[in-house]
């Protein structure tokens, strides 16, 4: 949590901000970010088992099983 706080210390709370956490793993960072009021997070990971576990552990966060290419544009 300390590392997340340091990385995003310049962000002001904005619950309407849309955030994508690519490679979210078990969703802890996505949940923490959202619970701090920094934005509405969608966690994305390529591993379906990980997404199932993340969704069960953090039901207020949206999770998608997908590769990053579906969420990023150049």
PDB file of N, CA and C in Angstrom:
ATOM      1  N   UNK A   1       0.817  -1.188   0.000  1.00  0.00           N
ATOM      2  CA  UNK A   1       0.000   0.000   0.000  1.00  0.00           C
ATOM      3  C   UNK A   1       0.864   1.255   0.000  1.00  0.00           C
ATOM      4  N   UNK A   2       1.988   1.221   0.698  1.00  0.00           N
ATOM      5  CA  UNK A   2       2.868   2.381   0.743  1.00  0.00           C
ATOM      6  C   UNK A   2       3.403   2.708  -0.656  1.00  0.00           C
ATOM      7  N   UNK A   3       3.781   1.672  -1.402  1.00  0.00           N
ATOM      8  CA  UNK A   3       4.299   1.888  -2.755  1.00  0.00           C
ATOM      9  C   UNK A   3       3.222   2.467  -3.667  1.00  0.00           C
ATOM     10  N   UNK A   4       1.999   1.990  -3.531  1.00  0.00           N
ATOM     11  CA  UNK A   4       0.897   2.521  -4.332  1.00  0.00           C
ATOM     12  C   UNK A   4       0.663   3.985  -3.977  1.00  0.00           C
ATOM     13  N   UNK A   5       0.649   4.276  -2.684  1.00  0.00           N
ATOM     14  CA  UNK A   5       0.453   5.656  -2.242  1.00  0.00           C
ATOM     15  C   UNK A   5       1.522   6.577  -2.815  1.00  0.00           C
ATOM     16  N   UNK A   6       2.772   6.140  -2.798  1.00  0.00           N
ATOM     17  CA  UNK A   6       3.858   6.956  -3.330  1.00  0.00           C
ATOM     18  C   UNK A   6       3.734   7.153  -4.843  1.00  0.00           C
ATOM     19  N   UNK A   7       3.371   6.099  -5.549  1.00  0.00           N
ATOM     20  CA  UNK A   7       3.268   6.179  -7.003  1.00  0.00           C
ATOM     21  C   UNK A   7       2.146   7.110  -7.461  1.00  0.00           C
ATOM     22  N   UNK A   8       1.090   7.183  -6.673  1.00  0.00           N
ATOM     23  CA  UNK A   8      -0.079   7.958  -7.081  1.00  0.00           C
ATOM     24  C   UNK A   8      -0.381   9.130  -6.158  1.00  0.00           C
ATOM     25  N   UNK A   9       0.613   9.593  -5.418  1.00  0.00           N
ATOM     26  CA  UNK A   9       0.381  10.649  -4.444  1.00  0.00           C
ATOM     27  C   UNK A   9      -0.079  11.965  -5.074  1.00  0.00           C
ATOM     28  N   UNK A  10       0.212  12.190  -6.342  1.00  0.00           N
ATOM     29  CA  UNK A  10      -0.195  13.440  -6.983  1.00  0.00           C
ATOM     30  C   UNK A  10      -1.639  13.408  -7.492  1.00  0.00           C
ATOM     31  N   UNK A  11      -2.271  12.236  -7.488  1.00  0.00           N
ATOM     32  CA  UNK A  11      -3.657  12.145  -7.962  1.00  0.00           C
ATOM     33  C   UNK A  11      -4.624  12.609  -6.884  1.00  0.00           C
ATOM     34  N   UNK A  12      -5.608  13.375  -7.294  1.00  0.00           N
ATOM     35  CA  UNK A  12      -6.677  13.758  -6.380  1.00  0.00           C
ATOM     36  C   UNK A  12      -7.803  12.740  -6.512  1.00  0.00           C
ATOM     37  N   UNK A  13      -8.583  12.623  -5.461  1.00  0.00           N
ATOM     38  CA  UNK A  13      -9.706  11.692  -5.513  1.00  0.00           C
ATOM     39  C   UNK A  13     -10.640  12.073  -6.650  1.00  0.00           C
ATOM     40  N   UNK A  14     -11.089  11.059  -7.380  1.00  0.00           N
ATOM     41  CA  UNK A  14     -12.023  11.259  -8.474  1.00  0.00           C
ATOM     42  C   UNK A  14     -12.657   9.902  -8.765  1.00  0.00           C
ATOM     43  N   UNK A  15     -13.798   9.651  -8.144  1.00  0.00           N
ATOM     44  CA  UNK A  15     -14.456   8.356  -8.299  1.00  0.00           C
ATOM     45  C   UNK A  15     -14.995   8.129  -9.703  1.00  0.00           C
ATOM     46  N   UNK A  16     -15.028   9.168 -10.540  1.00  0.00           N
ATOM     47  CA  UNK A  16     -15.505   9.040 -11.918  1.00  0.00           C
ATOM     48  C   UNK A  16     -14.392   8.715 -12.903  1.00  0.00           C
ATOM     49  N   UNK A  17     -13.128   8.778 -12.454  1.00  0.00           N
ATOM     50  CA  UNK A  17     -11.991   8.455 -13.312  1.00  0.00           C
ATOM     51  C   UNK A  17     -12.069   6.967 -13.676  1.00  0.00           C
ATOM     52  N   UNK A  18     -11.833   6.654 -14.940  1.00  0.00           N
ATOM     53  CA  UNK A  18     -11.814   5.265 -15.407  1.00  0.00           C
ATOM     54  C   UNK A  18     -10.363   4.789 -15.454  1.00  0.00           C
ATOM     55  N   UNK A  19     -10.078   3.679 -14.782  1.00  0.00           N
ATOM     56  CA  UNK A  19      -8.716   3.165 -14.678  1.00  0.00           C
ATOM     57  C   UNK A  19      -8.699   1.709 -15.129  1.00  0.00           C
ATOM     58  N   UNK A  20      -7.695   1.339 -15.914  1.00  0.00           N
ATOM     59  CA  UNK A  20      -7.503  -0.058 -16.303  1.00  0.00           C
ATOM     60  C   UNK A  20      -6.203  -0.534 -15.679  1.00  0.00           C
ATOM     61  N   UNK A  21      -6.295  -1.608 -14.900  1.00  0.00           N
ATOM     62  CA  UNK A  21      -5.115  -2.222 -14.277  1.00  0.00           C
ATOM     63  C   UNK A  21      -4.749  -3.445 -15.105  1.00  0.00           C
ATOM     64  N   UNK A  22      -3.823  -3.261 -16.046  1.00  0.00           N
ATOM     65  CA  UNK A  22      -3.385  -4.346 -16.922  1.00  0.00           C
ATOM     66  C   UNK A  22      -2.442  -5.254 -16.142  1.00  0.00           C
ATOM     67  N   UNK A  23      -2.710  -6.556 -16.181  1.00  0.00           N
ATOM     68  CA  UNK A  23      -1.903  -7.505 -15.418  1.00  0.00           C
ATOM     69  C   UNK A  23      -2.230  -7.413 -13.942  1.00  0.00           C
ATOM     70  N   UNK A  24      -3.519  -7.344 -13.630  1.00  0.00           N
ATOM     71  CA  UNK A  24      -3.972  -7.083 -12.264  1.00  0.00           C
ATOM     72  C   UNK A  24      -3.729  -8.226 -11.293  1.00  0.00           C
ATOM     73  N   UNK A  25      -3.422  -9.405 -11.803  1.00  0.00           N
ATOM     74  CA  UNK A  25      -3.194 -10.531 -10.896  1.00  0.00           C
ATOM     75  C   UNK A  25      -4.404 -10.783 -10.019  1.00  0.00           C
ATOM     76  N   UNK A  26      -4.189 -10.887  -8.723  1.00  0.00           N
ATOM     77  CA  UNK A  26      -5.270 -11.202  -7.791  1.00  0.00           C
ATOM     78  C   UNK A  26      -6.098  -9.985  -7.378  1.00  0.00           C
ATOM     79  N   UNK A  27      -5.794  -8.821  -7.943  1.00  0.00           N
ATOM     80  CA  UNK A  27      -6.663  -7.661  -7.798  1.00  0.00           C
ATOM     81  C   UNK A  27      -6.456  -6.774  -6.586  1.00  0.00           C
ATOM     82  N   UNK A  28      -5.448  -7.033  -5.798  1.00  0.00           N
ATOM     83  CA  UNK A  28      -5.224  -6.233  -4.595  1.00  0.00           C
ATOM     84  C   UNK A  28      -4.969  -4.762  -4.872  1.00  0.00           C
ATOM     85  N   UNK A  29      -4.142  -4.474  -5.858  1.00  0.00           N
ATOM     86  CA  UNK A  29      -3.847  -3.086  -6.191  1.00  0.00           C
ATOM     87  C   UNK A  29      -5.085  -2.390  -6.752  1.00  0.00           C
ATOM     88  N   UNK A  30      -5.806  -3.065  -7.611  1.00  0.00           N
ATOM     89  CA  UNK A  30      -7.031  -2.490  -8.177  1.00  0.00           C
ATOM     90  C   UNK A  30      -8.026  -2.162  -7.075  1.00  0.00           C
ATOM     91  N   UNK A  31      -8.192  -3.067  -6.145  1.00  0.00           N
ATOM     92  CA  UNK A  31      -9.119  -2.851  -5.034  1.00  0.00           C
ATOM     93  C   UNK A  31      -8.671  -1.683  -4.163  1.00  0.00           C
ATOM     94  N   UNK A  32      -7.400  -1.617  -3.846  1.00  0.00           N
ATOM     95  CA  UNK A  32      -6.881  -0.544  -3.005  1.00  0.00           C
ATOM     96  C   UNK A  32      -7.050   0.808  -3.697  1.00  0.00           C
ATOM     97  N   UNK A  33      -6.692   0.876  -4.963  1.00  0.00           N
ATOM     98  CA  UNK A  33      -6.808   2.115  -5.743  1.00  0.00           C
ATOM     99  C   UNK A  33      -8.252   2.606  -5.731  1.00  0.00           C
ATOM    100  N   UNK A  34      -9.183   1.690  -5.999  1.00  0.00           N
ATOM    101  CA  UNK A  34     -10.595   2.054  -6.043  1.00  0.00           C
ATOM    102  C   UNK A  34     -11.102   2.433  -4.653  1.00  0.00           C
ATOM    103  N   UNK A  35     -10.706   1.717  -3.631  1.00  0.00           N
ATOM    104  CA  UNK A  35     -11.183   2.002  -2.272  1.00  0.00           C
ATOM    105  C   UNK A  35     -10.676   3.346  -1.754  1.00  0.00           C
ATOM    106  N   UNK A  36      -9.591   3.850  -2.333  1.00  0.00           N
ATOM    107  CA  UNK A  36      -9.067   5.171  -1.956  1.00  0.00           C
ATOM    108  C   UNK A  36      -9.802   6.293  -2.679  1.00  0.00           C
ATOM    109  N   UNK A  37     -10.758   5.936  -3.549  1.00  0.00           N
ATOM    110  CA  UNK A  37     -11.527   6.941  -4.266  1.00  0.00           C
ATOM    111  C   UNK A  37     -10.809   7.553  -5.443  1.00  0.00           C
ATOM    112  N   UNK A  38      -9.796   6.858  -5.954  1.00  0.00           N
ATOM    113  CA  UNK A  38      -8.994   7.400  -7.052  1.00  0.00           C
ATOM    114  C   UNK A  38      -9.560   7.087  -8.427  1.00  0.00           C
ATOM    115  N   UNK A  39     -10.570   6.242  -8.498  1.00  0.00           N
ATOM    116  CA  UNK A  39     -11.186   5.934  -9.776  1.00  0.00           C
ATOM    117  C   UNK A  39     -11.916   4.614  -9.752  1.00  0.00           C
ATOM    118  N   UNK A  40     -12.689   4.375 -10.798  1.00  0.00           N
ATOM    119  CA  UNK A  40     -13.399   3.121 -11.012  1.00  0.00           C
ATOM    120  C   UNK A  40     -12.474   2.228 -11.818  1.00  0.00           C
ATOM    121  N   UNK A  41     -12.067   1.114 -11.227  1.00  0.00           N
ATOM    122  CA  UNK A  41     -11.019   0.284 -11.816  1.00  0.00           C
ATOM    123  C   UNK A  41     -11.603  -0.941 -12.524  1.00  0.00           C
ATOM    124  N   UNK A  42     -11.041  -1.248 -13.672  1.00  0.00           N
ATOM    125  CA  UNK A  42     -11.264  -2.520 -14.345  1.00  0.00           C
ATOM    126  C   UNK A  42      -9.929  -3.251 -14.331  1.00  0.00           C
ATOM    127  N   UNK A  43      -9.900  -4.387 -13.655  1.00  0.00           N
ATOM    128  CA  UNK A  43      -8.702  -5.210 -13.606  1.00  0.00           C
ATOM    129  C   UNK A  43      -8.695  -6.186 -14.763  1.00  0.00           C
ATOM    130  N   UNK A  44      -7.568  -6.280 -15.455  1.00  0.00           N
ATOM    131  CA  UNK A  44      -7.452  -7.134 -16.634  1.00  0.00           C
ATOM    132  C   UNK A  44      -6.268  -8.072 -16.450  1.00  0.00           C
ATOM    133  N   UNK A  45      -6.516  -9.352 -16.677  1.00  0.00           N
ATOM    134  CA  UNK A  45      -5.436 -10.335 -16.617  1.00  0.00           C
ATOM    135  C   UNK A  45      -5.740 -11.428 -17.624  1.00  0.00           C
ATOM    136  N   UNK A  46      -4.705 -12.033 -18.152  1.00  0.00           N
ATOM    137  CA  UNK A  46      -4.871 -13.047 -19.188  1.00  0.00           C
ATOM    138  C   UNK A  46      -5.207 -14.431 -18.613  1.00  0.00           C
ATOM    139  N   UNK A  47      -4.985 -14.612 -17.319  1.00  0.00           N
ATOM    140  CA  UNK A  47      -5.203 -15.918 -16.690  1.00  0.00           C
ATOM    141  C   UNK A  47      -6.609 -16.023 -16.107  1.00  0.00           C
ATOM    142  N   UNK A  48      -7.452 -16.895 -16.651  1.00  0.00           N
ATOM    143  CA  UNK A  48      -8.832 -16.980 -16.183  1.00  0.00           C
ATOM    144  C   UNK A  48      -8.960 -17.394 -14.711  1.00  0.00           C
ATOM    145  N   UNK A  49      -8.102 -18.275 -14.236  1.00  0.00           N
ATOM    146  CA  UNK A  49      -8.182 -18.688 -12.832  1.00  0.00           C
ATOM    147  C   UNK A  49      -7.878 -17.519 -11.894  1.00  0.00           C
ATOM    148  N   UNK A  50      -6.930 -16.705 -12.283  1.00  0.00           N
ATOM    149  CA  UNK A  50      -6.579 -15.532 -11.481  1.00  0.00           C
ATOM    150  C   UNK A  50      -7.735 -14.552 -11.438  1.00  0.00           C
ATOM    151  N   UNK A  51      -8.395 -14.338 -12.556  1.00  0.00           N
ATOM    152  CA  UNK A  51      -9.528 -13.418 -12.610  1.00  0.00           C
ATOM    153  C   UNK A  51     -10.669 -13.916 -11.730  1.00  0.00           C
ATOM    154  N   UNK A  52     -10.930 -15.195 -11.737  1.00  0.00           N
ATOM    155  CA  UNK A  52     -11.987 -15.760 -10.878  1.00  0.00           C
ATOM    156  C   UNK A  52     -11.661 -15.484  -9.411  1.00  0.00           C
ATOM    157  N   UNK A  53     -10.415 -15.706  -9.022  1.00  0.00           N
ATOM    158  CA  UNK A  53     -10.005 -15.458  -7.632  1.00  0.00           C
ATOM    159  C   UNK A  53     -10.075 -13.974  -7.287  1.00  0.00           C
ATOM    160  N   UNK A  54      -9.655 -13.118  -8.200  1.00  0.00           N
ATOM    161  CA  UNK A  54      -9.687 -11.673  -7.961  1.00  0.00           C
ATOM    162  C   UNK A  54     -11.125 -11.190  -7.779  1.00  0.00           C
ATOM    163  N   UNK A  55     -12.007 -11.650  -8.641  1.00  0.00           N
ATOM    164  CA  UNK A  55     -13.413 -11.236  -8.556  1.00  0.00           C
ATOM    165  C   UNK A  55     -14.054 -11.710  -7.252  1.00  0.00           C
ATOM    166  N   UNK A  56     -13.688 -12.894  -6.807  1.00  0.00           N
ATOM    167  CA  UNK A  56     -14.240 -13.405  -5.547  1.00  0.00           C
ATOM    168  C   UNK A  56     -13.712 -12.620  -4.353  1.00  0.00           C
ATOM    169  N   UNK A  57     -12.451 -12.231  -4.408  1.00  0.00           N
ATOM    170  CA  UNK A  57     -11.828 -11.516  -3.288  1.00  0.00           C
ATOM    171  C   UNK A  57     -12.203 -10.038  -3.248  1.00  0.00           C
ATOM    172  N   UNK A  58     -12.503  -9.459  -4.416  1.00  0.00           N
ATOM    173  CA  UNK A  58     -12.745  -8.010  -4.504  1.00  0.00           C
ATOM    174  C   UNK A  58     -14.000  -7.746  -5.344  1.00  0.00           C
ATOM    175  N   UNK A  59     -15.171  -8.038  -4.806  1.00  0.00           N
ATOM    176  CA  UNK A  59     -16.404  -7.963  -5.604  1.00  0.00           C
ATOM    177  C   UNK A  59     -16.811  -6.567  -6.061  1.00  0.00           C
ATOM    178  N   UNK A  60     -16.236  -5.523  -5.503  1.00  0.00           N
ATOM    179  CA  UNK A  60     -16.626  -4.173  -5.930  1.00  0.00           C
ATOM    180  C   UNK A  60     -15.823  -3.690  -7.141  1.00  0.00           C
ATOM    181  N   UNK A  61     -14.807  -4.452  -7.537  1.00  0.00           N
ATOM    182  CA  UNK A  61     -13.977  -4.105  -8.688  1.00  0.00           C
ATOM    183  C   UNK A  61     -14.432  -4.943  -9.881  1.00  0.00           C
ATOM    184  N   UNK A  62     -14.413  -4.350 -11.059  1.00  0.00           N
ATOM    185  CA  UNK A  62     -14.733  -5.076 -12.291  1.00  0.00           C
ATOM    186  C   UNK A  62     -13.473  -5.772 -12.790  1.00  0.00           C
ATOM    187  N   UNK A  63     -13.592  -7.045 -13.141  1.00  0.00           N
ATOM    188  CA  UNK A  63     -12.458  -7.805 -13.674  1.00  0.00           C
ATOM    189  C   UNK A  63     -12.820  -8.416 -15.013  1.00  0.00           C
ATOM    190  N   UNK A  64     -11.836  -8.443 -15.909  1.00  0.00           N
ATOM    191  CA  UNK A  64     -12.000  -9.034 -17.241  1.00  0.00           C
ATOM    192  C   UNK A  64     -10.821  -9.932 -17.548  1.00  0.00           C
ATOM    193  N   UNK A  65     -11.110 -11.085 -18.117  1.00  0.00           N
ATOM    194  CA  UNK A  65     -10.048 -11.976 -18.576  1.00  0.00           C
ATOM    195  C   UNK A  65      -9.768 -11.618 -20.029  1.00  0.00           C
ATOM    196  N   UNK A  66      -8.596 -11.042 -20.252  1.00  0.00           N
ATOM    197  CA  UNK A  66      -8.256 -10.576 -21.591  1.00  0.00           C
ATOM    198  C   UNK A  66      -6.779 -10.240 -21.653  1.00  0.00           C
ATOM    199  N   UNK A  67      -6.289 -10.125 -22.858  1.00  0.00           N
ATOM    200  CA  UNK A  67      -4.940  -9.612 -23.070  1.00  0.00           C
ATOM    201  C   UNK A  67      -4.984  -8.089 -23.119  1.00  0.00           C
ATOM    202  N   UNK A  68      -3.861  -7.472 -22.877  1.00  0.00           N
ATOM    203  CA  UNK A  68      -3.778  -6.015 -22.848  1.00  0.00           C
ATOM    204  C   UNK A  68      -4.134  -5.384 -24.190  1.00  0.00           C
ATOM    205  N   UNK A  69      -3.920  -6.105 -25.273  1.00  0.00           N
ATOM    206  CA  UNK A  69      -4.166  -5.526 -26.600  1.00  0.00           C
ATOM    207  C   UNK A  69      -5.620  -5.102 -26.803  1.00  0.00           C
ATOM    208  N   UNK A  70      -6.528  -5.636 -26.015  1.00  0.00           N
ATOM    209  CA  UNK A  70      -7.935  -5.269 -26.139  1.00  0.00           C
ATOM    210  C   UNK A  70      -8.278  -3.977 -25.391  1.00  0.00           C
ATOM    211  N   UNK A  71      -7.338  -3.449 -24.625  1.00  0.00           N
ATOM    212  CA  UNK A  71      -7.604  -2.257 -23.834  1.00  0.00           C
ATOM    213  C   UNK A  71      -6.671  -1.105 -24.166  1.00  0.00           C
ATOM    214  N   UNK A  72      -5.710  -1.333 -25.006  1.00  0.00           N
ATOM    215  CA  UNK A  72      -4.729  -0.297 -25.321  1.00  0.00           C
ATOM    216  C   UNK A  72      -4.778   0.051 -26.797  1.00  0.00           C
ATOM    217  N   UNK A  73      -4.662   1.342 -27.081  1.00  0.00           N
ATOM    218  CA  UNK A  73      -4.577   1.762 -28.482  1.00  0.00           C
ATOM    219  C   UNK A  73      -3.380   2.694 -28.640  1.00  0.00           C
ATOM    220  N   UNK A  74      -2.843   2.722 -29.799  1.00  0.00           N
ATOM    221  CA  UNK A  74      -1.664   3.556 -30.068  1.00  0.00           C
ATOM    222  C   UNK A  74      -2.080   4.812 -30.771  1.00  0.00           C
TER     223      UNK A  74
END
